[in-house]
Amino acid sequence: MRDINFLTENNAKPIWHPMAHPAEMRATPPKIIMKGEGVSVTDVDGRTVLDAVGGLWNVNLGYSCDPIKKAMAAQLETLPYYSGFRGTSTGPSIELAYELTEWFAPEGMVRAFFTSGGSDSVETALRLARQYWKIRGQGDRTKFLALKKGYHGTHFGGASVNGNANFRRNYEPLLPGVFHTPAPWIYRNPFDETDPAKLAKLCARAIEDEIAFQGADTIAAFIMEPVLGAGGVIVPHESFMPMVRAICDRHDILLIADEVVTGFGRTGAWAGSRLSAVKPDFMTIAKAITSGYFPLGATMIGAKVADVFEADKTSFGSIGHGYTYSGHPVGCAAGLAALAETKRLAVNENAAARGVELGKALEALKAKHQLVGDVRYQGLMAALELVSDRDAKKPADKKTMAAVADAAYGAGVMLRVSGNNIILSPPLVISAADVAKIAAGLDAGLAAAAA
């Protein structure tokens, strides 16, 4: 690698960064991360900070998971790549598909379709949902329903079902036939409802109303995150997802659970759907499947859908979709090692325990700092929504958000800013001391921004 001077001089110049304005990146170059160890990362200037972002929701096992690194190295020596297209397969992909169907058996998943990441997994689920209805002779079922504030990736399909204008406006027009209903967001909702159970019913009623308006026989699927992540960690009441499942069943609509963030323990359960014992028709997974060590994802397929595809005798059942790196053997080897470590360490239990501690710390920060309008959390996914006026719920501006993140970084904690939210998604192997350090970093950031 070239020296530090070269990296600093060329930072944000030959590269455009995701989710950022190129001009802003050039004016204020991003931090250059050079090393990761345990639950911390070190930047180009030698400063080490606790990573309260977990890479991007995905480094569940931290940066020093040797079993994953060794599995990848061994697979590179044996078979660095081979295609999974029709006619060929690889040992690691077969084994990982088996392990994933075992892992998500409580959700009724029986098949895995490998992808390169979360956006690919969502795209796959949307396409297979439409194809399912063509096989069944109901080709009018092409529409999708989704929640406002939901996040489902960056492909045209995923961006279309996204419920946040930040990911849509600059790319419109998007996929036609996508319609959004209110999310069960206590802090901000069109019903001015503050009771979680009542709000869940109101949001479910809105879904029913939209289905009646569109016509159930035109809708392919409803897609939702069990806990909304990038939209600001919106935690639905436990009754909400079962109500959505029941609505979909009544109207013969497929349910896609986007588990890219919530899969593999982050919520305190092995799947977000498991929190409310829901069995979706598809699950989209990625991120923690390899703990971020290799780009890999999968669309998990329930028995009802698999049976229709596998019983088909026409051309409609042929899957004309896939990726060069679907079932990449090195990625699948990484996935096998990551799943083994995820299970051995019982990170779901640690996420639940540390999540309780983090939640208490966030509530204390809300009581202390007027900047904090709301805090939301489930397991080790959390958000602080910052406001300049609590009574009016006026969102904090970009300058304030940057000040909080910069001061926290100075105090030794990496945060993620998303709009007027501070998003927390640390590795699932953090300790109680790490939780305390995150809280202290947030405290320093909030105090500096208010000064």
Protein backbone atom coordinates (compact mmCIF):
# COMPACT_ATOMS: atom_id res chain seq x y z
CA MET A 1 0.00 0.00 0.00
CA ARG A 2 1.17 3.54 -0.70
CA ASP A 3 2.21 5.76 2.19
CA ILE A 4 -0.02 7.86 4.44
CA ASN A 5 0.81 11.08 2.61
CA PHE A 6 -0.52 9.60 -0.65
CA LEU A 7 -3.73 8.38 1.01
CA THR A 8 -4.34 11.72 2.68
CA GLU A 9 -3.64 13.70 -0.49
CA ASN A 10 -5.98 11.56 -2.60
CA ASN A 11 -8.74 11.09 -0.03
CA ALA A 12 -12.19 11.55 -1.66
CA LYS A 13 -10.66 12.55 -4.99
CA PRO A 14 -10.56 9.49 -7.28
CA ILE A 15 -13.38 7.82 -5.31
CA TRP A 16 -17.05 8.71 -4.88
CA HIS A 17 -18.48 7.54 -1.57
CA PRO A 18 -21.89 5.91 -1.09
CA MET A 19 -24.60 8.01 0.57
CA ALA A 20 -22.60 11.24 0.35
CA HIS A 21 -22.32 14.36 -1.82
CA PRO A 22 -19.04 14.20 -3.78
CA ALA A 23 -18.45 17.93 -3.29
CA GLU A 24 -18.94 17.65 0.47
CA MET A 25 -16.52 14.73 0.65
CA ARG A 26 -13.87 16.71 -1.24
CA ALA A 27 -14.40 19.75 0.97
CA THR A 28 -14.38 17.70 4.19
CA PRO A 29 -12.59 14.41 3.46
CA PRO A 30 -13.87 11.35 5.33
CA LYS A 31 -11.94 9.51 8.02
CA ILE A 32 -9.51 6.95 6.63
CA ILE A 33 -9.79 3.70 8.59
CA MET A 34 -6.65 1.60 8.46
CA LYS A 35 -7.01 -1.13 11.06
CA GLY A 36 -9.63 -3.07 13.00
CA GLU A 37 -9.12 -5.09 16.15
CA GLY A 38 -11.71 -6.43 18.57
CA VAL A 39 -14.55 -3.90 18.55
CA SER A 40 -12.36 -0.93 17.68
CA VAL A 41 -10.92 0.65 14.53
CA THR A 42 -7.85 2.81 14.01
CA ASP A 43 -7.63 5.70 11.57
CA VAL A 44 -4.76 6.90 9.39
CA ASP A 45 -3.57 9.25 12.15
CA GLY A 46 -3.29 6.39 14.63
CA ARG A 47 -6.41 7.24 16.66
CA THR A 48 -8.28 4.16 17.91
CA VAL A 49 -12.02 4.42 18.59
CA LEU A 50 -14.77 2.02 19.64
CA ASP A 51 -16.88 1.23 16.58
CA ALA A 52 -20.46 1.87 17.66
CA VAL A 53 -21.51 1.45 14.02
CA GLY A 54 -20.30 -2.12 13.60
CA GLY A 55 -18.94 -1.29 10.15
CA LEU A 56 -22.46 -0.83 8.78
CA TRP A 57 -24.70 -3.00 10.98
CA ASN A 58 -22.67 -6.01 9.87
CA VAL A 59 -19.47 -6.65 11.85
CA ASN A 60 -21.32 -8.60 14.52
CA LEU A 61 -18.28 -10.61 15.57
CA GLY A 62 -15.81 -7.75 15.66
CA TYR A 63 -12.62 -7.38 13.65
CA SER A 64 -10.54 -10.21 15.15
CA CYS A 65 -12.54 -13.31 14.30
CA ASP A 66 -9.74 -15.68 13.31
CA PRO A 67 -11.97 -18.66 12.38
CA ILE A 68 -13.50 -16.60 9.54
CA LYS A 69 -10.13 -15.37 8.32
CA LYS A 70 -8.67 -18.88 8.38
CA ALA A 71 -11.69 -20.35 6.58
CA MET A 72 -11.37 -17.77 3.82
CA ALA A 73 -7.64 -18.34 3.44
CA ALA A 74 -8.10 -22.12 3.26
CA GLN A 75 -10.85 -21.78 0.66
CA LEU A 76 -8.69 -19.43 -1.43
CA GLU A 77 -6.03 -22.15 -1.52
CA THR A 78 -8.55 -24.85 -2.51
CA LEU A 79 -10.96 -23.07 -4.87
CA PRO A 80 -10.96 -19.26 -5.02
CA TYR A 81 -14.01 -19.10 -7.29
CA TYR A 82 -16.43 -21.03 -9.43
CA SER A 83 -19.80 -20.12 -10.86
CA GLY A 84 -23.04 -21.30 -9.33
CA PHE A 85 -24.99 -20.93 -12.57
CA ARG A 86 -26.89 -23.89 -13.97
CA GLY A 87 -24.70 -26.94 -14.30
CA THR A 88 -22.13 -26.26 -11.57
CA SER A 89 -22.04 -25.81 -7.82
CA THR A 90 -19.45 -25.69 -5.03
CA GLY A 91 -19.12 -27.51 -1.75
CA PRO A 92 -19.24 -24.44 0.53
CA SER A 93 -22.41 -23.12 -1.14
CA ILE A 94 -24.24 -26.43 -0.67
CA GLU A 95 -23.17 -26.63 2.96
CA LEU A 96 -24.05 -23.02 3.75
CA ALA A 97 -27.48 -23.32 2.12
CA TYR A 98 -28.16 -26.32 4.35
CA GLU A 99 -27.00 -24.45 7.47
CA LEU A 100 -29.15 -21.42 6.63
CA THR A 101 -32.30 -23.49 6.16
CA GLU A 102 -31.60 -25.11 9.52
CA TRP A 103 -30.96 -21.71 11.13
CA PHE A 104 -34.21 -20.22 9.84
CA ALA A 105 -36.34 -23.37 10.07
CA PRO A 106 -38.52 -21.73 12.78
CA GLU A 107 -39.44 -19.11 10.16
CA GLY A 108 -40.33 -21.85 7.69
CA MET A 109 -37.44 -21.24 5.30
CA VAL A 110 -36.53 -24.23 3.13
CA ARG A 111 -34.36 -22.86 0.28
CA ALA A 112 -31.56 -20.30 -0.16
CA PHE A 113 -30.74 -18.22 -3.24
CA PHE A 114 -27.30 -16.64 -2.85
CA THR A 115 -26.55 -13.02 -3.70
CA SER A 116 -23.74 -10.51 -3.25
CA GLY A 117 -25.42 -8.47 -0.52
CA GLY A 118 -28.60 -7.03 0.94
CA SER A 119 -29.73 -4.94 -2.02
CA ASP A 120 -29.31 -7.99 -4.26
CA SER A 121 -31.31 -10.08 -1.81
CA VAL A 122 -34.21 -7.62 -1.84
CA GLU A 123 -34.14 -7.41 -5.63
CA THR A 124 -34.24 -11.20 -5.77
CA ALA A 125 -37.22 -11.43 -3.42
CA LEU A 126 -39.19 -8.85 -5.38
CA ARG A 127 -38.52 -10.60 -8.68
CA LEU A 128 -39.32 -14.06 -7.35
CA ALA A 129 -42.52 -12.73 -5.80
CA ARG A 130 -43.76 -11.52 -9.18
CA GLN A 131 -42.63 -14.74 -10.81
CA TYR A 132 -44.50 -16.80 -8.21
CA TRP A 133 -47.79 -15.25 -9.28
CA LYS A 134 -47.06 -15.79 -12.96
CA ILE A 135 -46.53 -19.46 -12.24
CA ARG A 136 -49.86 -19.52 -10.44
CA GLY A 137 -51.58 -17.87 -13.41
CA GLN A 138 -52.22 -14.57 -11.62
CA GLY A 139 -50.05 -12.26 -13.70
CA ASP A 140 -51.95 -9.16 -12.56
CA ARG A 141 -50.32 -9.45 -9.15
CA THR A 142 -47.39 -7.11 -9.80
CA LYS A 143 -47.74 -4.42 -7.12
CA PHE A 144 -45.81 -4.11 -3.87
CA LEU A 145 -46.78 -2.59 -0.55
CA ALA A 146 -44.22 -1.27 1.92
CA LEU A 147 -43.92 0.92 5.00
CA LYS A 148 -42.95 4.56 4.99
CA LYS A 149 -39.50 4.96 6.61
CA GLY A 150 -38.59 1.42 5.58
CA TYR A 151 -35.21 0.82 3.96
CA HIS A 152 -34.64 -1.96 1.45
CA GLY A 153 -31.42 -1.15 -0.38
CA THR A 154 -30.36 0.82 -3.42
CA HIS A 155 -31.30 -1.15 -6.55
CA PHE A 156 -34.24 0.20 -8.53
CA GLY A 157 -36.55 -2.36 -6.98
CA GLY A 158 -35.26 -1.77 -3.46
CA ALA A 159 -35.26 2.00 -3.87
CA SER A 160 -38.84 1.79 -5.11
CA VAL A 161 -40.06 -0.01 -2.01
CA ASN A 162 -37.94 2.24 0.22
CA GLY A 163 -40.10 4.54 2.30
CA ASN A 164 -37.66 7.44 2.67
CA ALA A 165 -37.49 10.27 0.13
CA ASN A 166 -33.74 10.65 0.69
CA PHE A 167 -33.18 7.42 -1.23
CA ARG A 168 -35.80 8.07 -3.89
CA ARG A 169 -36.06 11.69 -5.04
CA ASN A 170 -32.88 11.92 -7.10
CA TYR A 171 -33.65 8.71 -8.99
CA GLU A 172 -37.34 9.04 -9.78
CA PRO A 173 -39.32 7.84 -11.60
CA LEU A 174 -38.85 4.50 -9.91
CA LEU A 175 -40.64 1.17 -10.29
CA PRO A 176 -44.38 1.71 -10.86
CA GLY A 177 -46.93 -0.10 -8.76
CA VAL A 178 -45.34 0.47 -5.34
CA PHE A 179 -47.44 1.94 -2.53
CA HIS A 180 -46.54 2.92 1.02
CA THR A 181 -48.49 2.93 4.28
CA PRO A 182 -47.64 4.59 7.63
CA ALA A 183 -45.03 2.99 9.85
CA PRO A 184 -45.85 2.31 13.52
CA TRP A 185 -43.56 5.13 14.64
CA ILE A 186 -44.61 6.44 18.05
CA TYR A 187 -42.63 9.69 17.89
CA ARG A 188 -44.00 10.82 14.52
CA ASN A 189 -47.13 9.36 12.94
CA PRO A 190 -50.13 10.78 11.06
CA PHE A 191 -52.57 9.56 13.72
CA ASP A 192 -50.99 11.49 16.64
CA GLU A 193 -51.19 8.22 18.53
CA THR A 194 -48.76 7.53 21.38
CA ASP A 195 -50.02 4.13 22.52
CA PRO A 196 -47.91 1.48 20.73
CA ALA A 197 -50.65 -1.17 20.58
CA LYS A 198 -53.27 1.28 19.33
CA LEU A 199 -50.85 2.65 16.75
CA ALA A 200 -50.11 -0.87 15.50
CA LYS A 201 -53.83 -1.40 14.89
CA LEU A 202 -54.18 1.93 13.09
CA CYS A 203 -51.24 1.12 10.82
CA ALA A 204 -52.66 -2.34 10.13
CA ARG A 205 -56.00 -0.75 9.27
CA ALA A 206 -54.22 1.57 6.83
CA ILE A 207 -52.71 -1.48 5.12
CA GLU A 208 -56.14 -3.06 4.81
CA ASP A 209 -57.48 0.18 3.36
CA GLU A 210 -54.70 0.36 0.77
CA ILE A 211 -55.26 -3.27 -0.23
CA ALA A 212 -58.97 -2.58 -0.71
CA PHE A 213 -58.17 0.47 -2.82
CA GLN A 214 -55.57 -1.26 -5.02
CA GLY A 215 -57.37 -4.59 -5.23
CA ALA A 216 -55.83 -7.56 -3.48
CA ASP A 217 -55.65 -9.47 -6.75
CA THR A 218 -53.15 -6.89 -8.09
CA ILE A 219 -50.68 -7.11 -5.18
CA ALA A 220 -47.71 -9.48 -5.26
CA ALA A 221 -46.16 -8.88 -1.85
CA PHE A 222 -45.81 -6.73 1.23
CA ILE A 223 -42.22 -6.04 2.32
CA MET A 224 -41.17 -4.88 5.79
CA GLU A 225 -38.31 -4.88 8.26
CA PRO A 226 -39.28 -6.49 11.59
CA VAL A 227 -37.50 -3.51 13.18
CA LEU A 228 -36.97 -0.59 10.81
CA GLY A 229 -33.24 0.15 10.69
CA ALA A 230 -31.90 2.94 8.50
CA GLY A 231 -35.22 4.79 8.81
CA GLY A 232 -34.30 5.54 12.42
CA VAL A 233 -34.63 2.27 14.39
CA ILE A 234 -38.42 2.25 14.57
CA VAL A 235 -39.51 -0.62 16.80
CA PRO A 236 -43.09 -1.77 16.09
CA HIS A 237 -45.31 -3.08 18.85
CA GLU A 238 -45.04 -6.85 19.15
CA SER A 239 -48.55 -7.21 17.73
CA PHE A 240 -47.80 -5.42 14.48
CA MET A 241 -45.95 -8.01 12.40
CA PRO A 242 -48.42 -10.80 13.31
CA MET A 243 -51.25 -8.50 12.19
CA VAL A 244 -49.44 -7.88 8.89
CA ARG A 245 -48.98 -11.64 8.44
CA ALA A 246 -52.70 -12.19 9.08
CA ILE A 247 -53.66 -9.45 6.61
CA CYS A 248 -51.42 -10.99 3.94
CA ASP A 249 -52.94 -14.41 4.58
CA ARG A 250 -56.49 -13.09 4.28
CA HIS A 251 -55.74 -11.50 0.92
CA ASP A 252 -53.31 -14.15 -0.38
CA ILE A 253 -50.42 -11.67 -0.50
CA LEU A 254 -46.81 -12.77 -0.01
CA LEU A 255 -44.88 -11.38 2.97
CA ILE A 256 -41.20 -10.48 2.53
CA ALA A 257 -39.31 -9.96 5.80
CA ASP A 258 -36.24 -7.82 5.19
CA GLU A 259 -33.84 -9.29 7.75
CA VAL A 260 -30.64 -7.84 6.26
CA VAL A 261 -30.05 -5.96 9.53
CA THR A 262 -32.15 -7.94 11.98
CA GLY A 263 -30.94 -11.43 11.09
CA PHE A 264 -28.37 -13.33 13.18
CA GLY A 265 -28.96 -11.89 16.62
CA ARG A 266 -28.90 -8.11 16.48
CA THR A 267 -32.42 -7.74 17.92
CA GLY A 268 -31.71 -10.22 20.70
CA ALA A 269 -33.35 -13.01 18.69
CA TRP A 270 -31.83 -15.01 15.84
CA ALA A 271 -34.27 -13.32 13.46
CA GLY A 272 -36.40 -10.20 13.75
CA SER A 273 -39.40 -12.25 12.66
CA ARG A 274 -38.79 -14.60 15.58
CA LEU A 275 -39.49 -11.79 18.04
CA SER A 276 -43.17 -12.18 17.18
CA ALA A 277 -43.14 -15.80 15.90
CA VAL A 278 -43.99 -14.79 12.32
CA LYS A 279 -43.29 -17.03 9.35
CA PRO A 280 -42.76 -14.90 6.22
CA ASP A 281 -42.73 -16.21 2.67
CA PHE A 282 -39.31 -14.76 1.92
CA MET A 283 -36.49 -13.48 4.11
CA THR A 284 -33.68 -11.29 2.82
CA ILE A 285 -30.37 -11.67 4.64
CA ALA A 286 -26.82 -10.35 4.27
CA LYS A 287 -24.48 -8.24 6.45
CA ALA A 288 -23.84 -10.49 9.49
CA ILE A 289 -23.94 -13.64 7.37
CA THR A 290 -20.13 -13.23 7.10
CA SER A 291 -19.76 -10.55 9.80
CA GLY A 292 -18.76 -8.23 6.98
CA TYR A 293 -15.64 -10.21 6.09
CA PHE A 294 -16.90 -10.98 2.56
CA PRO A 295 -19.74 -9.52 0.44
CA LEU A 296 -22.47 -12.17 0.60
CA GLY A 297 -26.23 -12.31 0.96
CA ALA A 298 -29.13 -14.67 0.41
CA THR A 299 -32.84 -14.67 -0.22
CA MET A 300 -34.45 -17.34 1.92
CA ILE A 301 -37.57 -18.96 0.49
CA GLY A 302 -40.49 -20.45 2.40
CA ALA A 303 -42.09 -23.80 1.67
CA LYS A 304 -45.25 -22.39 0.05
CA VAL A 305 -43.21 -20.52 -2.56
CA ALA A 306 -40.67 -23.29 -3.07
CA ASP A 307 -43.38 -25.87 -3.68
CA VAL A 308 -44.98 -23.77 -6.44
CA PHE A 309 -41.66 -23.23 -8.24
CA GLU A 310 -40.51 -26.80 -7.93
CA ALA A 311 -43.84 -28.26 -9.09
CA ASP A 312 -44.00 -26.03 -12.17
CA LYS A 313 -43.84 -27.74 -15.59
CA THR A 314 -43.79 -24.55 -17.71
CA SER A 315 -41.15 -21.96 -18.55
CA PHE A 316 -42.49 -19.61 -15.86
CA GLY A 317 -40.66 -21.56 -13.13
CA SER A 318 -37.24 -21.07 -14.70
CA ILE A 319 -35.24 -18.49 -12.73
CA GLY A 320 -33.72 -16.04 -15.19
CA HIS A 321 -31.94 -14.16 -12.44
CA GLY A 322 -28.64 -14.41 -10.60
CA TYR A 323 -25.23 -12.90 -9.99
CA THR A 324 -21.69 -13.78 -11.01
CA TYR A 325 -20.81 -14.10 -7.35
CA SER A 326 -23.93 -15.98 -6.23
CA GLY A 327 -22.70 -18.67 -3.84
CA HIS A 328 -19.08 -17.51 -4.05
CA PRO A 329 -17.09 -20.33 -2.40
CA VAL A 330 -14.86 -17.99 -0.37
CA GLY A 331 -17.90 -16.05 0.81
CA CYS A 332 -19.75 -19.24 1.70
CA ALA A 333 -16.69 -20.53 3.60
CA ALA A 334 -16.69 -17.24 5.50
CA GLY A 335 -20.42 -17.65 6.14
CA LEU A 336 -20.00 -21.15 7.54
CA ALA A 337 -17.30 -19.98 9.94
CA ALA A 338 -19.29 -16.88 10.90
CA LEU A 339 -22.43 -18.90 11.66
CA ALA A 340 -20.45 -21.34 13.79
CA GLU A 341 -18.92 -18.50 15.81
CA THR A 342 -22.23 -16.65 16.02
CA LYS A 343 -23.84 -19.73 17.55
CA ARG A 344 -20.88 -20.62 19.79
CA LEU A 345 -20.72 -17.14 21.28
CA ALA A 346 -24.53 -16.90 21.65
CA VAL A 347 -24.32 -13.30 20.44
CA ASN A 348 -28.12 -13.03 20.48
CA GLU A 349 -28.02 -13.37 24.26
CA ASN A 350 -25.25 -10.79 24.57
CA ALA A 351 -27.15 -8.43 22.25
CA ALA A 352 -30.21 -8.73 24.47
CA ALA A 353 -28.27 -8.12 27.69
CA ARG A 354 -26.10 -5.29 26.37
CA GLY A 355 -29.17 -3.84 24.66
CA VAL A 356 -30.92 -3.41 28.00
CA GLU A 357 -27.87 -1.58 29.34
CA LEU A 358 -27.62 0.58 26.24
CA GLY A 359 -31.33 1.43 26.41
CA LYS A 360 -31.01 2.60 30.02
CA ALA A 361 -28.00 4.73 29.09
CA LEU A 362 -29.87 6.33 26.19
CA GLU A 363 -32.87 7.12 28.40
CA ALA A 364 -30.49 8.83 30.85
CA LEU A 365 -28.98 10.89 28.03
CA LYS A 366 -32.46 11.94 26.93
CA ALA A 367 -33.22 13.12 30.46
CA LYS A 368 -29.95 15.07 30.56
CA HIS A 369 -29.79 16.65 27.09
CA GLN A 370 -32.52 18.78 25.53
CA LEU A 371 -31.10 17.93 22.10
CA VAL A 372 -32.43 14.38 22.42
CA GLY A 373 -36.05 14.28 21.31
CA ASP A 374 -36.50 10.53 21.30
CA VAL A 375 -34.56 7.31 21.85
CA ARG A 376 -35.48 3.96 20.32
CA TYR A 377 -33.84 0.57 20.74
CA GLN A 378 -34.20 -3.17 20.34
CA GLY A 379 -31.27 -5.40 21.21
CA LEU A 380 -28.14 -3.77 19.82
CA MET A 381 -29.84 -1.54 17.29
CA ALA A 382 -30.62 1.92 18.60
CA ALA A 383 -31.14 5.53 17.61
CA LEU A 384 -31.22 8.95 19.20
CA GLU A 385 -33.39 11.42 17.32
CA LEU A 386 -31.99 14.91 17.85
CA VAL A 387 -34.15 18.02 17.78
CA SER A 388 -33.56 21.75 18.13
CA ASP A 389 -36.98 22.21 19.76
CA ARG A 390 -38.49 19.38 21.80
CA ASP A 391 -42.02 20.76 21.86
CA ALA A 392 -42.13 21.30 18.09
CA LYS A 393 -40.02 18.16 17.39
CA LYS A 394 -37.98 20.27 14.97
CA PRO A 395 -35.12 18.14 13.58
CA ALA A 396 -31.58 19.17 14.47
CA ASP A 397 -29.59 20.58 11.56
CA LYS A 398 -26.57 19.07 9.80
CA LYS A 399 -24.13 21.28 11.68
CA THR A 400 -25.43 20.05 15.02
CA MET A 401 -25.35 16.43 13.94
CA ALA A 402 -21.76 16.77 12.72
CA ALA A 403 -20.74 18.44 15.97
CA VAL A 404 -22.13 15.53 18.01
CA ALA A 405 -20.36 12.92 15.85
CA ASP A 406 -17.05 14.81 15.80
CA ALA A 407 -16.95 15.35 19.54
CA ALA A 408 -17.89 11.72 20.20
CA TYR A 409 -15.08 10.64 17.87
CA GLY A 410 -12.72 12.83 19.86
CA ALA A 411 -13.95 11.02 22.97
CA GLY A 412 -13.12 7.67 21.38
CA VAL A 413 -16.41 6.53 19.85
CA MET A 414 -17.40 6.20 16.18
CA LEU A 415 -21.03 7.16 15.54
CA ARG A 416 -23.21 7.15 12.44
CA VAL A 417 -25.31 10.15 11.46
CA SER A 418 -28.46 9.56 9.38
CA GLY A 419 -30.52 12.71 8.93
CA ASN A 420 -31.24 13.93 12.45
CA ASN A 421 -30.67 10.46 13.93
CA ILE A 422 -27.60 9.03 15.59
CA ILE A 423 -27.66 5.34 14.68
CA LEU A 424 -25.98 2.77 16.92
CA SER A 425 -25.28 -0.77 15.74
CA PRO A 426 -22.13 -1.96 17.54
CA PRO A 427 -20.64 -5.44 17.22
CA LEU A 428 -22.68 -8.03 19.10
CA VAL A 429 -19.60 -9.05 21.12
CA ILE A 430 -19.31 -5.76 23.02
CA SER A 431 -19.01 -5.77 26.80
CA ALA A 432 -20.79 -3.78 29.51
CA ALA A 433 -17.69 -1.57 29.65
CA ASP A 434 -18.03 -0.92 25.92
CA VAL A 435 -21.65 0.14 26.43
CA ALA A 436 -20.51 2.58 29.10
CA LYS A 437 -17.89 3.98 26.72
CA ILE A 438 -20.48 4.47 23.97
CA ALA A 439 -22.69 6.33 26.44
CA ALA A 440 -19.78 8.50 27.54
CA GLY A 441 -18.92 9.31 23.94
CA LEU A 442 -22.52 10.27 23.22
CA ASP A 443 -22.61 12.40 26.35
CA ALA A 444 -19.49 14.26 25.23
CA GLY A 445 -20.89 14.74 21.75
CA LEU A 446 -24.25 16.06 22.92
CA ALA A 447 -22.61 18.41 25.43
CA ALA A 448 -20.25 19.81 22.78
CA ALA A 449 -23.06 20.40 20.30
CA ALA A 450 -25.13 22.25 22.90
CA ALA A 451 -22.27 24.45 24.04
